Amino acid sequence: MSPTTPAVAARRPHPTTLPDAHRWWRVADLAWDDPLDPTWADRVGGRWNTPGDGPTLYLNLDVETARAQISRLLEGSPIDPEDLRDDAPYILVPVALPSRQRVADATTDTGLVALGLPRTYPLTARGHGVRWAPCRTAARTSRSAGLRGVLSRCAATSDGHGRELAWFPARGARARTDGVVLAFAQWRHGTPQGSSVDLDS
């Protein structure tokens, strides 16, 4: 680097603390052995982790955001979410996390810029979806900073409405089921209600 070349500032994620005792929501398939297993995403990768980066669990702040994930799950398939039957195998798992979880903020302009992401996230300035590569880079920076995840605008909605969490559990930490696990018919359209799903059946 020449003496006149300005140094590029290292990325420093803007941290935020998750609310204790909040109920998060995990969209899962009824066939999965353990919907709260964070090692699955570590094997296959996702928006906020490259395979091998470390255990990652993808969660939603609320049920409305969880519903938006169904369209994302069916991307590239000929199935329209509205054509799904009520007995489709998508379940909603209520989740509790350990307390005092500090994560990177990817919901505000300040937080997004700190992670090297556009203020327009989940879209680029030209209106295209932000690709996974910069999100994965931002997540690795967050892990290196000792943060336990990334709280972001929902990438499954065109305007970023909703909040989703990529949680990076500390060694020995586990998420736990926090209430009734809901069948698809109970949460696909409105407020969750009805009977529970037996994950052991």
N, C-alpha and C. Protein backbone atom coordinates (compact mmCIF):
# COMPACT_ATOMS: atom_id res chain seq x y z
N MET A 1 0.85 -1.20 0.00
CA MET A 1 0.00 0.00 0.00
C MET A 1 0.88 1.24 0.00
N SER A 2 0.64 2.18 -0.86
CA SER A 2 1.44 3.40 -0.92
C SER A 2 1.05 4.32 0.24
N PRO A 3 1.98 5.24 0.62
CA PRO A 3 1.69 6.13 1.75
C PRO A 3 0.45 6.98 1.54
N THR A 4 0.07 7.20 0.28
CA THR A 4 -1.08 8.08 0.01
C THR A 4 -2.38 7.32 -0.13
N THR A 5 -2.31 5.97 -0.08
CA THR A 5 -3.51 5.16 -0.22
C THR A 5 -4.21 5.05 1.13
N PRO A 6 -5.46 5.51 1.24
CA PRO A 6 -6.14 5.44 2.54
C PRO A 6 -6.42 4.00 2.94
N ALA A 7 -6.25 3.70 4.20
CA ALA A 7 -6.54 2.36 4.70
C ALA A 7 -8.05 2.15 4.73
N VAL A 8 -8.45 0.92 4.45
CA VAL A 8 -9.87 0.57 4.52
C VAL A 8 -10.20 0.15 5.95
N ALA A 9 -11.15 0.81 6.56
CA ALA A 9 -11.50 0.51 7.94
C ALA A 9 -12.07 -0.89 8.06
N ALA A 10 -11.62 -1.59 9.12
CA ALA A 10 -12.14 -2.94 9.36
C ALA A 10 -13.61 -2.86 9.72
N ARG A 11 -14.36 -3.87 9.32
CA ARG A 11 -15.77 -3.91 9.66
C ARG A 11 -15.93 -4.15 11.15
N ARG A 12 -16.80 -3.38 11.77
CA ARG A 12 -17.08 -3.55 13.19
C ARG A 12 -18.59 -3.61 13.35
N PRO A 13 -19.13 -4.82 13.51
CA PRO A 13 -20.59 -4.95 13.62
C PRO A 13 -21.15 -4.08 14.74
N HIS A 14 -22.36 -3.61 14.50
CA HIS A 14 -23.07 -2.82 15.51
C HIS A 14 -23.88 -3.81 16.35
N PRO A 15 -23.51 -4.02 17.63
CA PRO A 15 -24.19 -5.05 18.42
C PRO A 15 -25.52 -4.58 19.00
N THR A 16 -26.38 -5.55 19.22
CA THR A 16 -27.64 -5.31 19.91
C THR A 16 -27.92 -6.53 20.78
N THR A 17 -28.64 -6.35 21.85
CA THR A 17 -28.95 -7.45 22.76
C THR A 17 -30.38 -7.92 22.54
N LEU A 18 -30.55 -9.21 22.35
CA LEU A 18 -31.89 -9.76 22.15
C LEU A 18 -32.71 -9.66 23.43
N PRO A 19 -34.01 -9.45 23.32
CA PRO A 19 -34.85 -9.39 24.52
C PRO A 19 -34.90 -10.76 25.20
N ASP A 20 -34.63 -10.79 26.48
CA ASP A 20 -34.73 -12.04 27.24
C ASP A 20 -36.18 -12.51 27.28
N ALA A 21 -36.36 -13.80 27.31
CA ALA A 21 -37.68 -14.43 27.44
C ALA A 21 -38.56 -14.20 26.22
N HIS A 22 -37.99 -13.72 25.11
CA HIS A 22 -38.81 -13.59 23.90
C HIS A 22 -39.06 -14.97 23.30
N ARG A 23 -40.24 -15.17 22.77
CA ARG A 23 -40.57 -16.42 22.07
C ARG A 23 -40.29 -16.25 20.58
N TRP A 24 -39.31 -16.98 20.09
CA TRP A 24 -38.97 -17.00 18.68
C TRP A 24 -39.72 -18.13 18.00
N TRP A 25 -39.69 -18.16 16.66
CA TRP A 25 -40.43 -19.18 15.93
C TRP A 25 -39.54 -19.81 14.85
N ARG A 26 -39.57 -21.12 14.81
CA ARG A 26 -38.77 -21.89 13.86
C ARG A 26 -39.68 -22.63 12.89
N VAL A 27 -39.56 -22.33 11.59
CA VAL A 27 -40.30 -23.08 10.58
C VAL A 27 -39.52 -24.37 10.32
N ALA A 28 -40.21 -25.48 10.40
CA ALA A 28 -39.53 -26.77 10.25
C ALA A 28 -40.42 -27.75 9.50
N ASP A 29 -39.82 -28.86 9.13
CA ASP A 29 -40.54 -29.95 8.47
C ASP A 29 -40.83 -31.01 9.52
N LEU A 30 -42.04 -31.54 9.50
CA LEU A 30 -42.44 -32.54 10.49
C LEU A 30 -41.52 -33.76 10.46
N ALA A 31 -40.86 -34.01 9.33
CA ALA A 31 -40.00 -35.19 9.20
C ALA A 31 -38.63 -35.01 9.86
N TRP A 32 -38.28 -33.77 10.21
CA TRP A 32 -36.96 -33.55 10.80
C TRP A 32 -36.88 -34.19 12.18
N ASP A 33 -35.76 -34.86 12.46
CA ASP A 33 -35.56 -35.50 13.76
C ASP A 33 -35.51 -34.47 14.88
N ASP A 34 -34.82 -33.36 14.67
CA ASP A 34 -34.67 -32.34 15.69
C ASP A 34 -34.72 -30.97 15.03
N PRO A 35 -35.87 -30.30 15.06
CA PRO A 35 -36.01 -28.99 14.40
C PRO A 35 -35.07 -27.92 14.96
N LEU A 36 -34.55 -28.14 16.17
CA LEU A 36 -33.69 -27.15 16.80
C LEU A 36 -32.21 -27.53 16.74
N ASP A 37 -31.87 -28.43 15.84
CA ASP A 37 -30.48 -28.85 15.67
C ASP A 37 -29.72 -27.80 14.86
N PRO A 38 -28.76 -27.07 15.44
CA PRO A 38 -28.06 -26.02 14.71
C PRO A 38 -26.93 -26.54 13.83
N THR A 39 -26.64 -27.84 13.92
CA THR A 39 -25.55 -28.39 13.12
C THR A 39 -25.99 -28.67 11.68
N TRP A 40 -27.31 -28.75 11.44
CA TRP A 40 -27.80 -29.00 10.09
C TRP A 40 -27.40 -27.86 9.16
N ALA A 41 -27.67 -26.63 9.57
CA ALA A 41 -27.31 -25.49 8.73
C ALA A 41 -25.80 -25.39 8.55
N ASP A 42 -25.06 -25.84 9.56
CA ASP A 42 -23.60 -25.80 9.43
C ASP A 42 -23.12 -26.76 8.35
N ARG A 43 -23.88 -27.82 8.12
CA ARG A 43 -23.50 -28.78 7.08
C ARG A 43 -23.91 -28.30 5.68
N VAL A 44 -25.09 -27.69 5.58
CA VAL A 44 -25.61 -27.36 4.25
C VAL A 44 -25.44 -25.88 3.89
N GLY A 45 -25.27 -25.02 4.90
CA GLY A 45 -25.13 -23.59 4.64
C GLY A 45 -26.46 -22.89 4.54
N GLY A 46 -26.41 -21.57 4.57
CA GLY A 46 -27.60 -20.74 4.47
C GLY A 46 -27.19 -19.31 4.17
N ARG A 47 -28.14 -18.41 4.21
CA ARG A 47 -27.83 -17.01 3.90
C ARG A 47 -26.73 -16.46 4.80
N TRP A 48 -26.76 -16.80 6.08
CA TRP A 48 -25.83 -16.20 7.03
C TRP A 48 -24.74 -17.16 7.49
N ASN A 49 -24.55 -18.26 6.78
CA ASN A 49 -23.42 -19.13 7.12
C ASN A 49 -23.02 -19.99 5.93
N THR A 50 -21.71 -20.09 5.74
CA THR A 50 -21.14 -21.02 4.78
C THR A 50 -20.96 -22.36 5.49
N PRO A 51 -21.14 -23.49 4.81
CA PRO A 51 -20.90 -24.77 5.48
C PRO A 51 -19.55 -24.79 6.18
N GLY A 52 -19.57 -25.20 7.44
CA GLY A 52 -18.34 -25.28 8.21
C GLY A 52 -18.05 -24.06 9.06
N ASP A 53 -18.85 -23.00 8.93
CA ASP A 53 -18.63 -21.78 9.74
C ASP A 53 -18.92 -22.02 11.21
N GLY A 54 -19.87 -22.90 11.48
CA GLY A 54 -20.26 -23.16 12.86
C GLY A 54 -21.76 -23.35 12.96
N PRO A 55 -22.23 -23.94 14.05
CA PRO A 55 -23.67 -24.17 14.23
C PRO A 55 -24.47 -22.88 14.05
N THR A 56 -25.60 -23.00 13.36
CA THR A 56 -26.45 -21.85 13.09
C THR A 56 -27.90 -22.30 13.12
N LEU A 57 -28.74 -21.53 13.78
CA LEU A 57 -30.17 -21.84 13.84
C LEU A 57 -30.93 -20.63 13.33
N TYR A 58 -31.77 -20.85 12.32
CA TYR A 58 -32.54 -19.76 11.70
C TYR A 58 -33.92 -19.65 12.34
N LEU A 59 -34.23 -18.46 12.85
CA LEU A 59 -35.46 -18.23 13.60
C LEU A 59 -36.16 -16.97 13.11
N ASN A 60 -37.42 -16.84 13.51
CA ASN A 60 -38.24 -15.67 13.14
C ASN A 60 -38.72 -14.97 14.39
N LEU A 61 -38.80 -13.64 14.31
CA LEU A 61 -39.23 -12.86 15.47
C LEU A 61 -40.68 -13.10 15.81
N ASP A 62 -41.53 -13.29 14.78
CA ASP A 62 -42.96 -13.45 15.02
C ASP A 62 -43.56 -14.39 13.97
N VAL A 63 -44.83 -14.71 14.15
CA VAL A 63 -45.50 -15.67 13.28
C VAL A 63 -45.65 -15.11 11.86
N GLU A 64 -45.91 -13.80 11.75
CA GLU A 64 -46.06 -13.20 10.42
C GLU A 64 -44.79 -13.39 9.59
N THR A 65 -43.63 -13.19 10.22
CA THR A 65 -42.37 -13.40 9.51
C THR A 65 -42.20 -14.87 9.16
N ALA A 66 -42.60 -15.74 10.06
CA ALA A 66 -42.50 -17.18 9.78
C ALA A 66 -43.33 -17.57 8.57
N ARG A 67 -44.52 -16.98 8.44
CA ARG A 67 -45.36 -17.30 7.28
C ARG A 67 -44.69 -16.89 5.97
N ALA A 68 -43.94 -15.80 6.00
CA ALA A 68 -43.25 -15.34 4.79
C ALA A 68 -42.20 -16.34 4.33
N GLN A 69 -41.71 -17.16 5.26
CA GLN A 69 -40.66 -18.12 4.90
C GLN A 69 -41.17 -19.23 3.98
N ILE A 70 -42.47 -19.50 3.99
CA ILE A 70 -43.00 -20.57 3.16
C ILE A 70 -42.77 -20.27 1.68
N SER A 71 -43.00 -19.04 1.27
CA SER A 71 -42.75 -18.67 -0.13
C SER A 71 -41.29 -18.85 -0.48
N ARG A 72 -40.40 -18.52 0.46
CA ARG A 72 -38.97 -18.70 0.21
C ARG A 72 -38.63 -20.18 0.08
N LEU A 73 -39.22 -21.01 0.94
CA LEU A 73 -38.94 -22.44 0.89
C LEU A 73 -39.36 -23.07 -0.44
N LEU A 74 -40.39 -22.50 -1.05
CA LEU A 74 -40.92 -23.08 -2.29
C LEU A 74 -40.37 -22.40 -3.54
N GLU A 75 -39.43 -21.47 -3.38
CA GLU A 75 -38.84 -20.81 -4.54
C GLU A 75 -38.22 -21.84 -5.49
N GLY A 76 -38.49 -21.67 -6.77
CA GLY A 76 -37.94 -22.59 -7.76
C GLY A 76 -38.78 -23.82 -7.98
N SER A 77 -39.84 -24.00 -7.20
CA SER A 77 -40.73 -25.14 -7.37
C SER A 77 -42.01 -24.66 -8.06
N PRO A 78 -42.76 -25.58 -8.66
CA PRO A 78 -44.01 -25.17 -9.32
C PRO A 78 -45.17 -24.98 -8.35
N ILE A 79 -44.91 -25.12 -7.06
CA ILE A 79 -45.98 -25.07 -6.06
C ILE A 79 -46.19 -23.64 -5.58
N ASP A 80 -47.43 -23.18 -5.63
CA ASP A 80 -47.78 -21.90 -5.06
C ASP A 80 -48.15 -22.12 -3.58
N PRO A 81 -47.64 -21.29 -2.68
CA PRO A 81 -47.96 -21.50 -1.26
C PRO A 81 -49.45 -21.57 -0.98
N GLU A 82 -50.26 -20.83 -1.74
CA GLU A 82 -51.71 -20.85 -1.50
C GLU A 82 -52.33 -22.19 -1.90
N ASP A 83 -51.62 -22.98 -2.70
CA ASP A 83 -52.14 -24.28 -3.11
C ASP A 83 -51.82 -25.39 -2.12
N LEU A 84 -51.03 -25.08 -1.11
CA LEU A 84 -50.69 -26.10 -0.12
C LEU A 84 -51.92 -26.50 0.68
N ARG A 85 -52.01 -27.77 0.98
CA ARG A 85 -53.10 -28.26 1.83
C ARG A 85 -52.80 -27.94 3.29
N ASP A 86 -53.84 -27.95 4.09
CA ASP A 86 -53.65 -27.67 5.51
C ASP A 86 -52.80 -28.73 6.21
N ASP A 87 -52.70 -29.92 5.60
CA ASP A 87 -51.89 -30.97 6.22
C ASP A 87 -50.47 -31.01 5.66
N ALA A 88 -50.04 -29.94 4.99
CA ALA A 88 -48.64 -29.85 4.55
C ALA A 88 -47.73 -30.01 5.77
N PRO A 89 -46.53 -30.56 5.58
CA PRO A 89 -45.69 -30.94 6.73
C PRO A 89 -44.91 -29.80 7.37
N TYR A 90 -45.30 -28.55 7.13
CA TYR A 90 -44.58 -27.43 7.73
C TYR A 90 -45.14 -27.12 9.12
N ILE A 91 -44.30 -27.23 10.10
CA ILE A 91 -44.71 -26.96 11.48
C ILE A 91 -44.02 -25.69 11.97
N LEU A 92 -44.58 -25.15 13.04
CA LEU A 92 -44.02 -23.94 13.64
C LEU A 92 -43.66 -24.26 15.09
N VAL A 93 -42.37 -24.12 15.39
CA VAL A 93 -41.87 -24.48 16.71
C VAL A 93 -41.57 -23.21 17.51
N PRO A 94 -42.21 -23.04 18.67
CA PRO A 94 -41.88 -21.89 19.53
C PRO A 94 -40.55 -22.15 20.23
N VAL A 95 -39.69 -21.16 20.26
CA VAL A 95 -38.31 -21.37 20.70
C VAL A 95 -37.89 -20.34 21.75
N ALA A 96 -37.20 -20.82 22.77
CA ALA A 96 -36.59 -19.95 23.76
C ALA A 96 -35.07 -20.07 23.64
N LEU A 97 -34.39 -18.93 23.73
CA LEU A 97 -32.94 -18.89 23.68
C LEU A 97 -32.37 -18.55 25.05
N PRO A 98 -31.11 -18.84 25.27
CA PRO A 98 -30.48 -18.40 26.53
C PRO A 98 -30.54 -16.88 26.66
N SER A 99 -30.45 -16.39 27.85
CA SER A 99 -30.53 -14.94 28.09
C SER A 99 -29.23 -14.25 27.70
N ARG A 100 -29.32 -12.93 27.57
CA ARG A 100 -28.18 -12.04 27.32
C ARG A 100 -27.43 -12.41 26.04
N GLN A 101 -28.17 -12.59 24.97
CA GLN A 101 -27.55 -12.91 23.68
C GLN A 101 -27.29 -11.62 22.90
N ARG A 102 -26.02 -11.31 22.67
CA ARG A 102 -25.64 -10.13 21.90
C ARG A 102 -25.36 -10.53 20.46
N VAL A 103 -26.02 -9.86 19.54
CA VAL A 103 -25.94 -10.22 18.12
C VAL A 103 -25.64 -8.97 17.29
N ALA A 104 -25.30 -9.17 16.04
CA ALA A 104 -25.07 -8.05 15.13
C ALA A 104 -26.41 -7.54 14.62
N ASP A 105 -26.51 -6.23 14.56
CA ASP A 105 -27.72 -5.57 14.07
C ASP A 105 -27.65 -5.44 12.55
N ALA A 106 -28.62 -6.05 11.87
CA ALA A 106 -28.76 -5.88 10.42
C ALA A 106 -30.19 -5.44 10.11
N THR A 107 -30.74 -4.62 11.01
CA THR A 107 -32.10 -4.10 10.84
C THR A 107 -32.11 -2.60 10.60
N THR A 108 -31.12 -1.89 11.10
CA THR A 108 -31.05 -0.44 10.94
C THR A 108 -30.02 -0.08 9.88
N ASP A 109 -30.11 1.15 9.36
CA ASP A 109 -29.12 1.62 8.39
C ASP A 109 -27.72 1.56 8.99
N THR A 110 -27.60 1.97 10.24
CA THR A 110 -26.30 1.97 10.90
C THR A 110 -25.72 0.57 10.98
N GLY A 111 -26.55 -0.38 11.38
CA GLY A 111 -26.09 -1.75 11.50
C GLY A 111 -25.73 -2.37 10.17
N LEU A 112 -26.52 -2.10 9.15
CA LEU A 112 -26.26 -2.66 7.82
C LEU A 112 -24.95 -2.12 7.25
N VAL A 113 -24.74 -0.82 7.36
CA VAL A 113 -23.50 -0.23 6.84
C VAL A 113 -22.30 -0.79 7.59
N ALA A 114 -22.42 -0.99 8.89
CA ALA A 114 -21.32 -1.55 9.68
C ALA A 114 -20.95 -2.95 9.21
N LEU A 115 -21.91 -3.67 8.65
CA LEU A 115 -21.67 -5.03 8.16
C LEU A 115 -21.29 -5.06 6.68
N GLY A 116 -21.24 -3.89 6.06
CA GLY A 116 -20.91 -3.85 4.63
C GLY A 116 -22.07 -4.19 3.73
N LEU A 117 -23.28 -4.06 4.24
CA LEU A 117 -24.49 -4.36 3.47
C LEU A 117 -25.21 -3.05 3.11
N PRO A 118 -25.98 -3.05 2.02
CA PRO A 118 -26.65 -1.81 1.61
C PRO A 118 -27.78 -1.41 2.57
N ARG A 119 -27.99 -0.12 2.69
CA ARG A 119 -29.09 0.38 3.52
C ARG A 119 -30.44 -0.11 3.02
N THR A 120 -30.50 -0.50 1.75
CA THR A 120 -31.74 -0.95 1.13
C THR A 120 -32.00 -2.44 1.36
N TYR A 121 -31.12 -3.12 2.11
CA TYR A 121 -31.29 -4.55 2.36
C TYR A 121 -32.73 -4.85 2.80
N PRO A 122 -33.34 -5.93 2.27
CA PRO A 122 -32.77 -7.07 1.55
C PRO A 122 -32.58 -6.87 0.04
N LEU A 123 -32.81 -5.67 -0.46
CA LEU A 123 -32.61 -5.40 -1.87
C LEU A 123 -31.37 -4.53 -2.06
N THR A 124 -30.78 -4.61 -3.24
CA THR A 124 -29.71 -3.71 -3.60
C THR A 124 -30.31 -2.36 -4.00
N ALA A 125 -29.47 -1.38 -4.23
CA ALA A 125 -29.96 -0.06 -4.66
C ALA A 125 -30.70 -0.14 -5.98
N ARG A 126 -30.41 -1.16 -6.78
CA ARG A 126 -31.08 -1.34 -8.07
C ARG A 126 -32.31 -2.23 -7.98
N GLY A 127 -32.65 -2.64 -6.77
CA GLY A 127 -33.88 -3.40 -6.59
C GLY A 127 -33.74 -4.90 -6.74
N HIS A 128 -32.51 -5.41 -6.80
CA HIS A 128 -32.30 -6.85 -6.87
C HIS A 128 -32.08 -7.40 -5.45
N GLY A 129 -32.36 -8.67 -5.27
CA GLY A 129 -32.12 -9.27 -3.97
C GLY A 129 -30.63 -9.33 -3.66
N VAL A 130 -30.26 -8.98 -2.43
CA VAL A 130 -28.87 -9.08 -2.01
C VAL A 130 -28.48 -10.56 -1.99
N ARG A 131 -27.36 -10.87 -2.58
CA ARG A 131 -26.91 -12.26 -2.66
C ARG A 131 -26.40 -12.75 -1.30
N TRP A 132 -26.23 -14.06 -1.20
CA TRP A 132 -25.79 -14.65 0.06
C TRP A 132 -24.35 -14.31 0.41
N ALA A 133 -23.48 -14.15 -0.59
CA ALA A 133 -22.05 -13.99 -0.32
C ALA A 133 -21.75 -12.84 0.65
N PRO A 134 -22.27 -11.62 0.42
CA PRO A 134 -21.97 -10.55 1.38
C PRO A 134 -22.59 -10.79 2.75
N CYS A 135 -23.71 -11.48 2.80
CA CYS A 135 -24.33 -11.80 4.09
C CYS A 135 -23.44 -12.78 4.87
N ARG A 136 -22.89 -13.76 4.16
CA ARG A 136 -22.01 -14.72 4.81
C ARG A 136 -20.74 -14.06 5.32
N THR A 137 -20.21 -13.13 4.53
CA THR A 137 -19.03 -12.38 4.98
C THR A 137 -19.35 -11.58 6.23
N ALA A 138 -20.50 -10.92 6.25
CA ALA A 138 -20.92 -10.16 7.42
C ALA A 138 -21.09 -11.05 8.64
N ALA A 139 -21.62 -12.25 8.42
CA ALA A 139 -21.82 -13.18 9.53
C ALA A 139 -20.49 -13.66 10.10
N ARG A 140 -19.52 -13.93 9.22
CA ARG A 140 -18.20 -14.35 9.71
C ARG A 140 -17.55 -13.24 10.53
N THR A 141 -17.72 -12.00 10.09
CA THR A 141 -17.21 -10.86 10.84
C THR A 141 -17.87 -10.80 12.22
N SER A 142 -19.16 -11.09 12.27
CA SER A 142 -19.90 -11.06 13.53
C SER A 142 -19.42 -12.17 14.47
N ARG A 143 -19.21 -13.34 13.92
CA ARG A 143 -18.68 -14.44 14.75
C ARG A 143 -17.31 -14.06 15.31
N SER A 144 -16.46 -13.50 14.46
CA SER A 144 -15.12 -13.12 14.89
C SER A 144 -15.16 -12.09 16.01
N ALA A 145 -16.21 -11.28 16.01
CA ALA A 145 -16.37 -10.25 17.05
C ALA A 145 -16.97 -10.83 18.33
N GLY A 146 -17.23 -12.13 18.34
CA GLY A 146 -17.78 -12.77 19.53
C GLY A 146 -19.27 -12.62 19.69
N LEU A 147 -19.96 -12.18 18.64
CA LEU A 147 -21.41 -12.03 18.71
C LEU A 147 -22.09 -13.36 18.42
N ARG A 148 -23.30 -13.49 18.93
CA ARG A 148 -24.00 -14.77 18.91
C ARG A 148 -25.02 -14.87 17.79
N GLY A 149 -24.89 -14.04 16.76
CA GLY A 149 -25.80 -14.16 15.63
C GLY A 149 -25.95 -12.84 14.88
N VAL A 150 -26.90 -12.85 13.94
CA VAL A 150 -27.24 -11.66 13.17
C VAL A 150 -28.76 -11.52 13.19
N LEU A 151 -29.24 -10.39 13.67
CA LEU A 151 -30.67 -10.06 13.63
C LEU A 151 -30.88 -9.15 12.42
N SER A 152 -31.68 -9.61 11.46
CA SER A 152 -31.79 -8.89 10.19
C SER A 152 -33.23 -8.63 9.78
N ARG A 153 -33.36 -7.71 8.82
CA ARG A 153 -34.64 -7.56 8.15
C ARG A 153 -34.94 -8.86 7.41
N CYS A 154 -36.21 -9.15 7.23
CA CYS A 154 -36.61 -10.41 6.60
C CYS A 154 -36.34 -10.36 5.10
N ALA A 155 -35.54 -11.30 4.62
CA ALA A 155 -35.23 -11.37 3.19
C ALA A 155 -36.32 -12.06 2.39
N ALA A 156 -37.31 -12.61 3.08
CA ALA A 156 -38.41 -13.27 2.38
C ALA A 156 -39.52 -12.31 2.01
N THR A 157 -39.40 -11.04 2.40
CA THR A 157 -40.39 -10.03 2.03
C THR A 157 -39.71 -8.98 1.15
N SER A 158 -40.43 -8.43 0.21
CA SER A 158 -39.83 -7.51 -0.75
C SER A 158 -39.37 -6.20 -0.11
N ASP A 159 -40.01 -5.81 1.00
CA ASP A 159 -39.65 -4.55 1.64
C ASP A 159 -38.89 -4.73 2.94
N GLY A 160 -38.50 -5.97 3.24
CA GLY A 160 -37.74 -6.22 4.46
C GLY A 160 -38.58 -6.24 5.72
N HIS A 161 -39.91 -6.19 5.55
CA HIS A 161 -40.79 -6.23 6.73
C HIS A 161 -40.58 -7.54 7.48
N GLY A 162 -40.55 -7.45 8.79
CA GLY A 162 -40.33 -8.63 9.61
C GLY A 162 -38.86 -8.74 10.01
N ARG A 163 -38.60 -9.56 11.00
CA ARG A 163 -37.25 -9.73 11.51
C ARG A 163 -36.94 -11.22 11.64
N GLU A 164 -35.74 -11.59 11.19
CA GLU A 164 -35.30 -12.97 11.32
C GLU A 164 -33.93 -13.00 11.98
N LEU A 165 -33.64 -14.11 12.61
CA LEU A 165 -32.41 -14.25 13.39
C LEU A 165 -31.64 -15.48 12.94
N ALA A 166 -30.36 -15.28 12.63
CA ALA A 166 -29.43 -16.40 12.47
C ALA A 166 -28.65 -16.47 13.78
N TRP A 167 -28.92 -17.48 14.58
CA TRP A 167 -28.34 -17.58 15.92
C TRP A 167 -27.14 -18.51 15.89
N PHE A 168 -26.03 -18.05 16.47
CA PHE A 168 -24.80 -18.84 16.56
C PHE A 168 -24.61 -19.25 18.02
N PRO A 169 -25.04 -20.43 18.39
CA PRO A 169 -24.97 -20.82 19.81
C PRO A 169 -23.53 -20.97 20.30
N ALA A 170 -23.31 -20.54 21.54
CA ALA A 170 -22.03 -20.76 22.19
C ALA A 170 -21.87 -22.25 22.47
N ARG A 171 -20.64 -22.68 22.67
CA ARG A 171 -20.41 -24.10 22.98
C ARG A 171 -21.24 -24.52 24.18
N GLY A 172 -22.02 -25.57 24.01
CA GLY A 172 -22.85 -26.08 25.10
C GLY A 172 -24.20 -25.43 25.23
N ALA A 173 -24.44 -24.33 24.51
CA ALA A 173 -25.73 -23.65 24.60
C ALA A 173 -26.74 -24.31 23.66
N ARG A 174 -27.98 -24.31 24.07
CA ARG A 174 -29.04 -24.94 23.26
C ARG A 174 -30.29 -24.08 23.27
N ALA A 175 -30.98 -24.06 22.15
CA ALA A 175 -32.33 -23.52 22.11
C ALA A 175 -33.28 -24.60 22.64
N ARG A 176 -34.42 -24.20 23.14
CA ARG A 176 -35.39 -25.19 23.63
C ARG A 176 -36.79 -24.83 23.15
N THR A 177 -37.61 -25.85 23.00
CA THR A 177 -39.00 -25.63 22.64
C THR A 177 -39.71 -24.94 23.78
N ASP A 178 -40.49 -23.91 23.44
CA ASP A 178 -41.12 -23.07 24.46
C ASP A 178 -42.62 -22.96 24.21
N GLY A 179 -43.32 -24.08 24.38
CA GLY A 179 -44.75 -24.07 24.19
C GLY A 179 -45.20 -25.10 23.18
N VAL A 180 -46.36 -24.85 22.60
CA VAL A 180 -47.01 -25.79 21.69
C VAL A 180 -46.43 -25.69 20.29
N VAL A 181 -46.07 -26.84 19.73
CA VAL A 181 -45.63 -26.92 18.33
C VAL A 181 -46.86 -26.99 17.45
N LEU A 182 -46.94 -26.11 16.45
CA LEU A 182 -48.18 -25.95 15.68
C LEU A 182 -48.12 -26.62 14.31
N ALA A 183 -49.21 -27.29 13.96
CA ALA A 183 -49.36 -27.84 12.62
C ALA A 183 -49.62 -26.70 11.63
N PHE A 184 -49.39 -26.94 10.35
CA PHE A 184 -49.48 -25.90 9.32
C PHE A 184 -50.85 -25.23 9.32
N ALA A 185 -51.90 -26.01 9.47
CA ALA A 185 -53.26 -25.45 9.42
C ALA A 185 -53.49 -24.43 10.54
N GLN A 186 -52.72 -24.51 11.61
CA GLN A 186 -52.93 -23.64 12.76
C GLN A 186 -52.25 -22.28 12.64
N TRP A 187 -51.31 -22.16 11.71
CA TRP A 187 -50.57 -20.89 11.66
C TRP A 187 -50.41 -20.32 10.25
N ARG A 188 -50.89 -20.99 9.24
CA ARG A 188 -50.62 -20.55 7.88
C ARG A 188 -51.30 -19.22 7.52
N HIS A 189 -52.44 -18.94 8.13
CA HIS A 189 -53.18 -17.72 7.77
C HIS A 189 -53.26 -16.69 8.88
N GLY A 190 -53.44 -17.13 10.11
CA GLY A 190 -53.70 -16.16 11.16
C GLY A 190 -53.03 -16.50 12.47
N THR A 191 -53.64 -16.03 13.55
CA THR A 191 -53.08 -16.24 14.88
C THR A 191 -53.07 -17.73 15.21
N PRO A 192 -51.94 -18.26 15.70
CA PRO A 192 -51.87 -19.68 16.04
C PRO A 192 -52.95 -20.07 17.05
N GLN A 193 -53.52 -21.24 16.80
CA GLN A 193 -54.52 -21.75 17.72
C GLN A 193 -54.67 -23.25 17.49
N GLY A 194 -55.32 -23.90 18.42
CA GLY A 194 -55.61 -25.31 18.24
C GLY A 194 -54.67 -26.21 19.00
N SER A 195 -54.62 -27.48 18.60
CA SER A 195 -53.89 -28.50 19.33
C SER A 195 -52.43 -28.56 18.90
N SER A 196 -51.65 -29.27 19.70
CA SER A 196 -50.23 -29.37 19.45
C SER A 196 -49.89 -30.48 18.46
N VAL A 197 -48.64 -30.47 17.99
CA VAL A 197 -48.11 -31.51 17.13
C VAL A 197 -47.21 -32.40 17.96
N ASP A 198 -47.35 -33.71 17.81
CA ASP A 198 -46.51 -34.66 18.53
C ASP A 198 -45.27 -34.95 17.69
N LEU A 199 -44.12 -34.41 18.09
CA LEU A 199 -42.90 -34.61 17.31
C LEU A 199 -42.34 -36.01 17.43
N ASP A 200 -42.82 -36.78 18.39
CA ASP A 200 -42.29 -38.13 18.60
C ASP A 200 -43.11 -39.20 17.90
N SER A 201 -44.20 -38.79 17.21
CA SER A 201 -45.07 -39.80 16.59
C SER A 201 -44.47 -40.28 15.27
